[in-house]
Amino acid sequence: MVIADTGFWVSLLWRRDPWHLRVREAYTRYADEGFISTWPVLTETCYLLGRSVGEDAKLGLLERVVDHSIQVCALVESDALRMTALMRRYADLPMDLADASLVVLAERLGHGRILSTDTRDFGAYRWKNHQPFINLLSPGET
């Protein structure tokens, strides 16, 4: 499973987004592996799609959850402690809840292979405090 961030989903569903073509290619390339995200990411994505693209795009995203094109990792109450620590650590960026949930997800999966248009933040974040993310949307990453 490849971790997918908000920017990936927004760019996939918004044809006018500057990342759209690169994201569409990545979606095809990694579809066989499958995509995983979190509810905070999907909430943020629905908000941005509703504001920028429209209701059909939000529904299209949720239909991908229903048909299992997107697996959603359930967070548990104890994850809040880790996400709080991460948000404090990266307060200078700052880190939001969606990003913190993806760091927790990477720690749970044991890998940091991610699809994100947020190259600055996911270039700085570390899972398990020292492991860098591998952003599959960055040139040269595989």
Protein backbone atom coordinates (compact mmCIF):
# COMPACT_ATOMS: atom_id res chain seq x y z
CA MET A 1 0.00 0.00 0.00
CA VAL A 2 1.19 3.48 -0.87
CA ILE A 3 0.35 6.31 1.55
CA ALA A 4 -1.63 9.12 -0.12
CA ASP A 5 -1.82 12.70 1.15
CA THR A 6 -4.46 15.39 0.63
CA GLY A 7 -2.64 17.12 -2.23
CA PHE A 8 -2.48 13.86 -4.16
CA TRP A 9 -6.25 13.36 -3.99
CA VAL A 10 -7.06 17.00 -4.76
CA SER A 11 -4.72 17.02 -7.76
CA LEU A 12 -6.11 13.74 -9.05
CA LEU A 13 -9.69 15.03 -9.01
CA TRP A 14 -9.05 18.66 -10.07
CA ARG A 15 -7.95 18.79 -13.69
CA ARG A 16 -6.79 22.42 -13.43
CA ASP A 17 -4.35 21.64 -10.62
CA PRO A 18 -0.71 22.06 -11.74
CA TRP A 19 0.13 18.58 -10.39
CA HIS A 20 -2.80 16.85 -12.14
CA LEU A 21 -0.90 15.12 -14.96
CA ARG A 22 1.92 13.87 -12.74
CA VAL A 23 -0.57 12.67 -10.12
CA ARG A 24 -2.73 10.91 -12.71
CA GLU A 25 0.34 9.03 -13.99
CA ALA A 26 1.29 8.06 -10.44
CA TYR A 27 -2.27 6.89 -9.72
CA THR A 28 -2.05 4.53 -12.69
CA ARG A 29 1.48 3.40 -11.83
CA TYR A 30 0.71 2.53 -8.20
CA ALA A 31 -2.90 1.35 -8.52
CA ASP A 32 -1.92 -2.32 -8.28
CA GLU A 33 -0.24 -1.70 -4.91
CA GLY A 34 -3.26 0.14 -3.59
CA PHE A 35 -3.61 3.41 -1.71
CA ILE A 36 -4.02 4.02 2.00
CA SER A 37 -4.84 7.20 3.86
CA THR A 38 -6.54 8.39 7.05
CA TRP A 39 -9.85 10.03 7.89
CA PRO A 40 -8.20 13.37 8.74
CA VAL A 41 -6.68 13.40 5.23
CA LEU A 42 -10.00 12.52 3.60
CA THR A 43 -11.81 15.17 5.66
CA GLU A 44 -9.30 17.82 4.59
CA THR A 45 -9.53 16.62 0.98
CA CYS A 46 -13.33 16.78 0.94
CA TYR A 47 -13.21 20.32 2.28
CA LEU A 48 -10.73 21.46 -0.37
CA LEU A 49 -12.54 19.66 -3.19
CA GLY A 50 -15.85 21.18 -2.15
CA ARG A 51 -14.30 24.64 -2.15
CA SER A 52 -12.34 24.30 -5.40
CA VAL A 53 -13.95 21.64 -7.55
CA GLY A 54 -17.48 20.83 -6.39
CA GLU A 55 -19.71 18.26 -4.79
CA ASP A 56 -19.20 15.62 -7.49
CA ALA A 57 -15.47 15.53 -6.75
CA LYS A 58 -16.12 15.01 -3.02
CA LEU A 59 -18.52 12.20 -3.78
CA GLY A 60 -16.03 10.70 -6.25
CA LEU A 61 -13.43 10.56 -3.51
CA LEU A 62 -15.78 8.87 -1.06
CA GLU A 63 -16.88 6.40 -3.73
CA ARG A 64 -13.22 5.33 -3.95
CA VAL A 65 -13.41 4.47 -0.25
CA VAL A 66 -16.64 2.51 -0.78
CA ASP A 67 -15.19 0.51 -3.71
CA HIS A 68 -11.94 -0.09 -1.76
CA SER A 69 -9.74 1.88 -4.17
CA ILE A 70 -8.67 3.75 -1.05
CA GLN A 71 -8.08 1.91 2.20
CA VAL A 72 -8.60 4.06 5.28
CA CYS A 73 -6.51 3.37 8.36
CA ALA A 74 -8.54 3.76 11.51
CA LEU A 75 -6.83 5.83 14.15
CA VAL A 76 -7.27 4.93 17.79
CA GLU A 77 -7.42 7.14 20.85
CA SER A 78 -3.81 6.41 21.78
CA ASP A 79 -2.68 7.81 18.40
CA ALA A 80 -3.69 11.27 19.64
CA LEU A 81 -0.74 11.29 22.03
CA ARG A 82 1.72 10.55 19.21
CA MET A 83 0.07 13.07 16.86
CA THR A 84 0.24 15.74 19.57
CA ALA A 85 3.96 15.06 20.06
CA LEU A 86 4.55 15.26 16.31
CA MET A 87 2.60 18.51 15.96
CA ARG A 88 4.69 20.02 18.78
CA ARG A 89 7.93 18.80 17.19
CA TYR A 90 7.07 20.27 13.78
CA ALA A 91 5.26 23.40 15.03
CA ASP A 92 7.64 25.59 13.01
CA LEU A 93 6.29 24.23 9.69
CA PRO A 94 3.50 23.90 11.15
CA MET A 95 2.24 20.30 11.00
CA ASP A 96 -1.52 19.82 10.78
CA LEU A 97 -3.60 16.90 12.02
CA ALA A 98 -3.81 15.28 8.58
CA ASP A 99 -0.02 15.25 8.19
CA ALA A 100 0.46 13.96 11.75
CA SER A 101 -1.96 11.13 11.00
CA LEU A 102 0.15 10.13 7.97
CA VAL A 103 3.32 10.00 10.06
CA VAL A 104 1.48 7.70 12.51
CA LEU A 105 0.29 5.63 9.53
CA ALA A 106 3.87 5.30 8.21
CA GLU A 107 5.01 4.15 11.63
CA ARG A 108 2.25 1.56 11.71
CA LEU A 109 3.00 0.32 8.16
CA GLY A 110 6.77 0.34 8.65
CA HIS A 111 7.45 2.42 5.53
CA GLY A 112 7.29 6.01 4.37
CA ARG A 113 6.42 5.60 0.68
CA ILE A 114 4.04 8.49 0.07
CA LEU A 115 2.33 10.35 -2.74
CA SER A 116 2.24 14.02 -1.76
CA THR A 117 2.39 17.38 -3.50
CA ASP A 118 3.65 18.81 -0.19
CA THR A 119 7.34 18.27 -0.92
CA ARG A 120 8.60 20.73 1.70
CA ASP A 121 6.84 19.24 4.70
CA PHE A 122 7.19 15.58 3.74
CA GLY A 123 10.83 16.28 3.00
CA ALA A 124 11.21 17.42 6.62
CA TYR A 125 8.99 14.96 8.49
CA ARG A 126 10.49 11.78 9.90
CA TRP A 127 8.59 8.67 10.91
CA LYS A 128 9.89 6.78 13.94
CA ASN A 129 11.75 10.07 14.59
CA HIS A 130 14.52 9.46 12.05
CA GLN A 131 13.20 7.67 8.94
CA PRO A 132 12.63 9.98 5.95
CA PHE A 133 9.61 9.74 3.71
CA ILE A 134 10.10 8.65 0.11
CA ASN A 135 7.83 10.92 -1.89
CA LEU A 136 6.98 9.01 -5.05
CA LEU A 137 5.91 12.26 -6.75
CA SER A 138 9.41 13.73 -6.40
CA PRO A 139 11.68 13.40 -9.44
CA GLY A 140 14.04 10.46 -9.13
CA GLU A 141 11.99 8.56 -6.50
CA THR A 142 10.59 5.11 -7.21
